[in-house]
Amino acid sequence: FGGLDAAHEVAVAMVDSKIVYPLEGFEDKTIMAVVYEHGTGEWSTNGPFEGELVFERKDPSQWYWVSVIETNTVSGETTEIQANWFHL
């Protein structure tokens, strides 16, 4: 305007994607999740979780395999309680 230029720097960032799944009835248990990201072939272990399972910063265009595992803190016994694919 009037021969003058103006510039303004803008930062663009991905907004975190979050999945929350409430946990009830798991007293004396440790809850962990093993996650496989189909797009990258990477595995990760998440947790321990208390009260709710929370997965953050997941790409909405990807599929994930999640295996939820409980470990009895008294006996040490580990059991897979759910496993399934999810997509945001």
N, C-alpha and C. Protein backbone atom coordinates (compact mmCIF):
# COMPACT_ATOMS: atom_id res chain seq x y z
N PHE A 1 0.84 -1.17 0.00
CA PHE A 1 0.00 0.00 0.00
C PHE A 1 0.89 1.24 0.00
N GLY A 2 0.71 2.08 -0.94
CA GLY A 2 1.51 3.30 -1.01
C GLY A 2 2.98 3.02 -1.21
N GLY A 3 3.31 1.90 -1.87
CA GLY A 3 4.70 1.57 -2.13
C GLY A 3 5.40 0.84 -0.99
N LEU A 4 4.68 0.52 0.08
CA LEU A 4 5.27 -0.18 1.22
C LEU A 4 4.85 -1.64 1.21
N ASP A 5 5.75 -2.52 1.63
CA ASP A 5 5.46 -3.94 1.76
C ASP A 5 5.38 -4.30 3.23
N ALA A 6 4.57 -5.29 3.53
CA ALA A 6 4.48 -5.79 4.91
C ALA A 6 4.56 -7.31 4.86
N ALA A 7 5.14 -7.89 5.89
CA ALA A 7 5.25 -9.34 5.98
C ALA A 7 4.89 -9.77 7.40
N HIS A 8 4.29 -10.91 7.47
CA HIS A 8 3.95 -11.46 8.79
C HIS A 8 4.22 -12.96 8.74
N GLU A 9 5.03 -13.44 9.68
CA GLU A 9 5.37 -14.86 9.72
C GLU A 9 4.24 -15.63 10.38
N VAL A 10 3.85 -16.74 9.77
CA VAL A 10 2.78 -17.59 10.30
C VAL A 10 3.35 -18.98 10.52
N ALA A 11 3.15 -19.52 11.70
CA ALA A 11 3.58 -20.88 12.00
C ALA A 11 2.38 -21.82 11.88
N VAL A 12 2.55 -22.91 11.18
CA VAL A 12 1.49 -23.89 11.01
C VAL A 12 1.91 -25.16 11.73
N ALA A 13 1.03 -25.67 12.56
CA ALA A 13 1.33 -26.89 13.31
C ALA A 13 0.13 -27.81 13.26
N MET A 14 0.40 -29.12 13.33
CA MET A 14 -0.69 -30.09 13.37
C MET A 14 -1.32 -30.05 14.76
N VAL A 15 -2.63 -30.01 14.79
CA VAL A 15 -3.34 -30.07 16.06
C VAL A 15 -3.37 -31.52 16.50
N ASP A 16 -3.04 -31.73 17.76
CA ASP A 16 -3.01 -33.10 18.27
C ASP A 16 -4.36 -33.79 18.10
N SER A 17 -4.30 -35.05 17.72
CA SER A 17 -5.49 -35.89 17.67
C SER A 17 -5.43 -36.78 18.89
N LYS A 18 -6.54 -36.94 19.55
CA LYS A 18 -6.56 -37.69 20.81
C LYS A 18 -7.74 -38.66 20.82
N ILE A 19 -7.46 -39.86 21.30
CA ILE A 19 -8.50 -40.86 21.53
C ILE A 19 -8.49 -41.17 23.02
N VAL A 20 -9.66 -41.13 23.63
CA VAL A 20 -9.77 -41.41 25.06
C VAL A 20 -10.79 -42.54 25.24
N TYR A 21 -10.41 -43.56 25.99
CA TYR A 21 -11.30 -44.68 26.27
C TYR A 21 -11.30 -44.90 27.78
N PRO A 22 -12.45 -44.69 28.44
CA PRO A 22 -12.49 -44.84 29.90
C PRO A 22 -12.25 -46.29 30.34
N LEU A 23 -11.55 -46.44 31.46
CA LEU A 23 -11.27 -47.75 32.03
C LEU A 23 -11.97 -47.85 33.38
N GLU A 24 -12.74 -48.92 33.56
CA GLU A 24 -13.41 -49.17 34.83
C GLU A 24 -13.30 -50.64 35.17
N GLY A 25 -13.20 -50.94 36.44
CA GLY A 25 -13.17 -52.33 36.89
C GLY A 25 -11.80 -52.98 36.78
N PHE A 26 -10.75 -52.19 36.80
CA PHE A 26 -9.41 -52.74 36.67
C PHE A 26 -8.57 -52.48 37.92
N GLU A 27 -9.19 -52.59 39.08
CA GLU A 27 -8.46 -52.42 40.33
C GLU A 27 -7.40 -53.51 40.42
N ASP A 28 -6.26 -53.19 41.00
CA ASP A 28 -5.12 -54.11 41.15
C ASP A 28 -4.60 -54.60 39.80
N LYS A 29 -4.79 -53.81 38.73
CA LYS A 29 -4.30 -54.19 37.41
C LYS A 29 -3.51 -53.02 36.82
N THR A 30 -2.49 -53.35 36.06
CA THR A 30 -1.75 -52.36 35.28
C THR A 30 -2.20 -52.52 33.83
N ILE A 31 -2.63 -51.42 33.19
CA ILE A 31 -3.11 -51.47 31.82
C ILE A 31 -2.07 -50.82 30.90
N MET A 32 -1.66 -51.58 29.89
CA MET A 32 -0.71 -51.12 28.88
C MET A 32 -1.34 -51.34 27.51
N ALA A 33 -0.80 -50.70 26.49
CA ALA A 33 -1.27 -50.92 25.13
C ALA A 33 -0.07 -51.01 24.19
N VAL A 34 -0.12 -51.97 23.30
CA VAL A 34 0.88 -52.11 22.25
C VAL A 34 0.21 -51.64 20.97
N VAL A 35 0.86 -50.68 20.28
CA VAL A 35 0.26 -50.06 19.10
C VAL A 35 1.16 -50.30 17.89
N TYR A 36 0.54 -50.74 16.80
CA TYR A 36 1.23 -50.91 15.52
C TYR A 36 0.67 -49.89 14.54
N GLU A 37 1.54 -49.06 13.96
CA GLU A 37 1.11 -48.08 12.96
C GLU A 37 1.30 -48.68 11.57
N HIS A 38 0.19 -48.93 10.89
CA HIS A 38 0.21 -49.61 9.60
C HIS A 38 1.05 -48.86 8.57
N GLY A 39 0.96 -47.53 8.52
CA GLY A 39 1.65 -46.75 7.51
C GLY A 39 3.17 -46.79 7.62
N THR A 40 3.69 -46.86 8.83
CA THR A 40 5.14 -46.83 9.03
C THR A 40 5.72 -48.18 9.42
N GLY A 41 4.85 -49.10 9.86
CA GLY A 41 5.33 -50.41 10.32
C GLY A 41 5.98 -50.37 11.69
N GLU A 42 5.76 -49.28 12.43
CA GLU A 42 6.38 -49.12 13.74
C GLU A 42 5.48 -49.62 14.86
N TRP A 43 6.11 -50.24 15.87
CA TRP A 43 5.43 -50.70 17.07
C TRP A 43 5.81 -49.78 18.23
N SER A 44 4.88 -49.55 19.14
CA SER A 44 5.19 -48.78 20.35
C SER A 44 4.38 -49.35 21.51
N THR A 45 4.91 -49.15 22.71
CA THR A 45 4.21 -49.56 23.93
C THR A 45 3.80 -48.29 24.66
N ASN A 46 2.54 -48.23 25.08
CA ASN A 46 2.00 -47.06 25.74
C ASN A 46 1.46 -47.43 27.10
N GLY A 47 1.63 -46.55 28.07
CA GLY A 47 1.09 -46.78 29.40
C GLY A 47 2.20 -46.75 30.43
N PRO A 48 1.89 -47.10 31.63
CA PRO A 48 0.62 -47.64 32.11
C PRO A 48 -0.45 -46.55 32.17
N PHE A 49 -1.70 -46.99 32.03
CA PHE A 49 -2.86 -46.11 32.06
C PHE A 49 -3.64 -46.33 33.34
N GLU A 50 -4.19 -45.24 33.88
CA GLU A 50 -5.08 -45.32 35.04
C GLU A 50 -6.31 -44.49 34.75
N GLY A 51 -7.48 -45.09 34.86
CA GLY A 51 -8.72 -44.35 34.66
C GLY A 51 -9.17 -44.24 33.22
N GLU A 52 -8.23 -44.07 32.30
CA GLU A 52 -8.59 -44.00 30.89
C GLU A 52 -7.37 -44.29 30.02
N LEU A 53 -7.64 -44.88 28.87
CA LEU A 53 -6.62 -45.07 27.84
C LEU A 53 -6.59 -43.80 27.02
N VAL A 54 -5.42 -43.25 26.78
CA VAL A 54 -5.32 -42.04 25.98
C VAL A 54 -4.22 -42.24 24.94
N PHE A 55 -4.59 -42.03 23.68
CA PHE A 55 -3.64 -42.06 22.58
C PHE A 55 -3.63 -40.67 21.96
N GLU A 56 -2.46 -40.04 21.90
CA GLU A 56 -2.36 -38.69 21.39
C GLU A 56 -1.48 -38.64 20.14
N ARG A 57 -1.68 -37.60 19.36
CA ARG A 57 -0.88 -37.32 18.17
C ARG A 57 -0.90 -38.48 17.17
N LYS A 58 -2.08 -39.00 16.92
CA LYS A 58 -2.22 -40.05 15.92
C LYS A 58 -2.70 -39.44 14.61
N ASP A 59 -2.11 -39.88 13.52
CA ASP A 59 -2.44 -39.37 12.19
C ASP A 59 -3.81 -39.87 11.76
N PRO A 60 -4.75 -38.95 11.48
CA PRO A 60 -6.11 -39.39 11.11
C PRO A 60 -6.18 -40.16 9.80
N SER A 61 -5.11 -40.12 9.00
CA SER A 61 -5.14 -40.85 7.73
C SER A 61 -4.58 -42.27 7.87
N GLN A 62 -4.11 -42.64 9.06
CA GLN A 62 -3.48 -43.95 9.27
C GLN A 62 -4.39 -44.91 10.04
N TRP A 63 -4.13 -46.19 9.85
CA TRP A 63 -4.78 -47.24 10.64
C TRP A 63 -3.79 -47.71 11.70
N TYR A 64 -4.30 -48.05 12.88
CA TYR A 64 -3.48 -48.51 14.00
C TYR A 64 -4.06 -49.80 14.56
N TRP A 65 -3.19 -50.76 14.86
CA TRP A 65 -3.57 -51.98 15.57
C TRP A 65 -3.25 -51.75 17.03
N VAL A 66 -4.24 -51.95 17.89
CA VAL A 66 -4.02 -51.73 19.32
C VAL A 66 -4.36 -53.00 20.08
N SER A 67 -3.42 -53.44 20.89
CA SER A 67 -3.62 -54.57 21.79
C SER A 67 -3.56 -54.03 23.21
N VAL A 68 -4.68 -54.13 23.93
CA VAL A 68 -4.74 -53.64 25.31
C VAL A 68 -4.48 -54.82 26.24
N ILE A 69 -3.53 -54.64 27.14
CA ILE A 69 -3.06 -55.73 28.00
C ILE A 69 -3.19 -55.32 29.46
N GLU A 70 -3.73 -56.25 30.26
CA GLU A 70 -3.79 -56.00 31.70
C GLU A 70 -2.83 -56.95 32.39
N THR A 71 -2.18 -56.44 33.42
CA THR A 71 -1.31 -57.25 34.25
C THR A 71 -1.81 -57.15 35.67
N ASN A 72 -2.09 -58.29 36.28
CA ASN A 72 -2.53 -58.34 37.66
C ASN A 72 -1.33 -58.01 38.54
N THR A 73 -1.43 -56.91 39.30
CA THR A 73 -0.29 -56.47 40.11
C THR A 73 -0.03 -57.39 41.29
N VAL A 74 -0.99 -58.26 41.63
CA VAL A 74 -0.80 -59.20 42.73
C VAL A 74 -0.15 -60.49 42.23
N SER A 75 -0.74 -61.10 41.18
CA SER A 75 -0.24 -62.39 40.69
C SER A 75 0.82 -62.25 39.59
N GLY A 76 0.86 -61.10 38.91
CA GLY A 76 1.80 -60.92 37.80
C GLY A 76 1.29 -61.48 36.48
N GLU A 77 0.10 -62.07 36.47
CA GLU A 77 -0.47 -62.66 35.25
C GLU A 77 -0.86 -61.56 34.26
N THR A 78 -0.48 -61.76 32.98
CA THR A 78 -0.78 -60.79 31.92
C THR A 78 -1.80 -61.39 30.97
N THR A 79 -2.81 -60.57 30.59
CA THR A 79 -3.88 -61.01 29.70
C THR A 79 -4.20 -59.92 28.69
N GLU A 80 -4.33 -60.31 27.41
CA GLU A 80 -4.82 -59.37 26.41
C GLU A 80 -6.33 -59.25 26.58
N ILE A 81 -6.82 -58.03 26.82
CA ILE A 81 -8.26 -57.86 27.06
C ILE A 81 -9.00 -57.37 25.83
N GLN A 82 -8.29 -56.78 24.89
CA GLN A 82 -8.92 -56.36 23.64
C GLN A 82 -7.84 -56.08 22.61
N ALA A 83 -8.14 -56.39 21.35
CA ALA A 83 -7.23 -56.07 20.26
C ALA A 83 -8.08 -55.77 19.04
N ASN A 84 -7.74 -54.68 18.35
CA ASN A 84 -8.53 -54.29 17.19
C ASN A 84 -7.81 -53.19 16.43
N TRP A 85 -8.22 -52.99 15.18
CA TRP A 85 -7.75 -51.87 14.37
C TRP A 85 -8.56 -50.63 14.74
N PHE A 86 -7.92 -49.45 14.71
CA PHE A 86 -8.70 -48.22 14.83
C PHE A 86 -8.15 -47.17 13.88
N HIS A 87 -9.02 -46.25 13.58
CA HIS A 87 -8.77 -45.18 12.62
C HIS A 87 -9.53 -43.97 13.13
N LEU A 88 -8.93 -42.80 13.09
CA LEU A 88 -9.61 -41.60 13.60
C LEU A 88 -10.67 -41.14 12.62
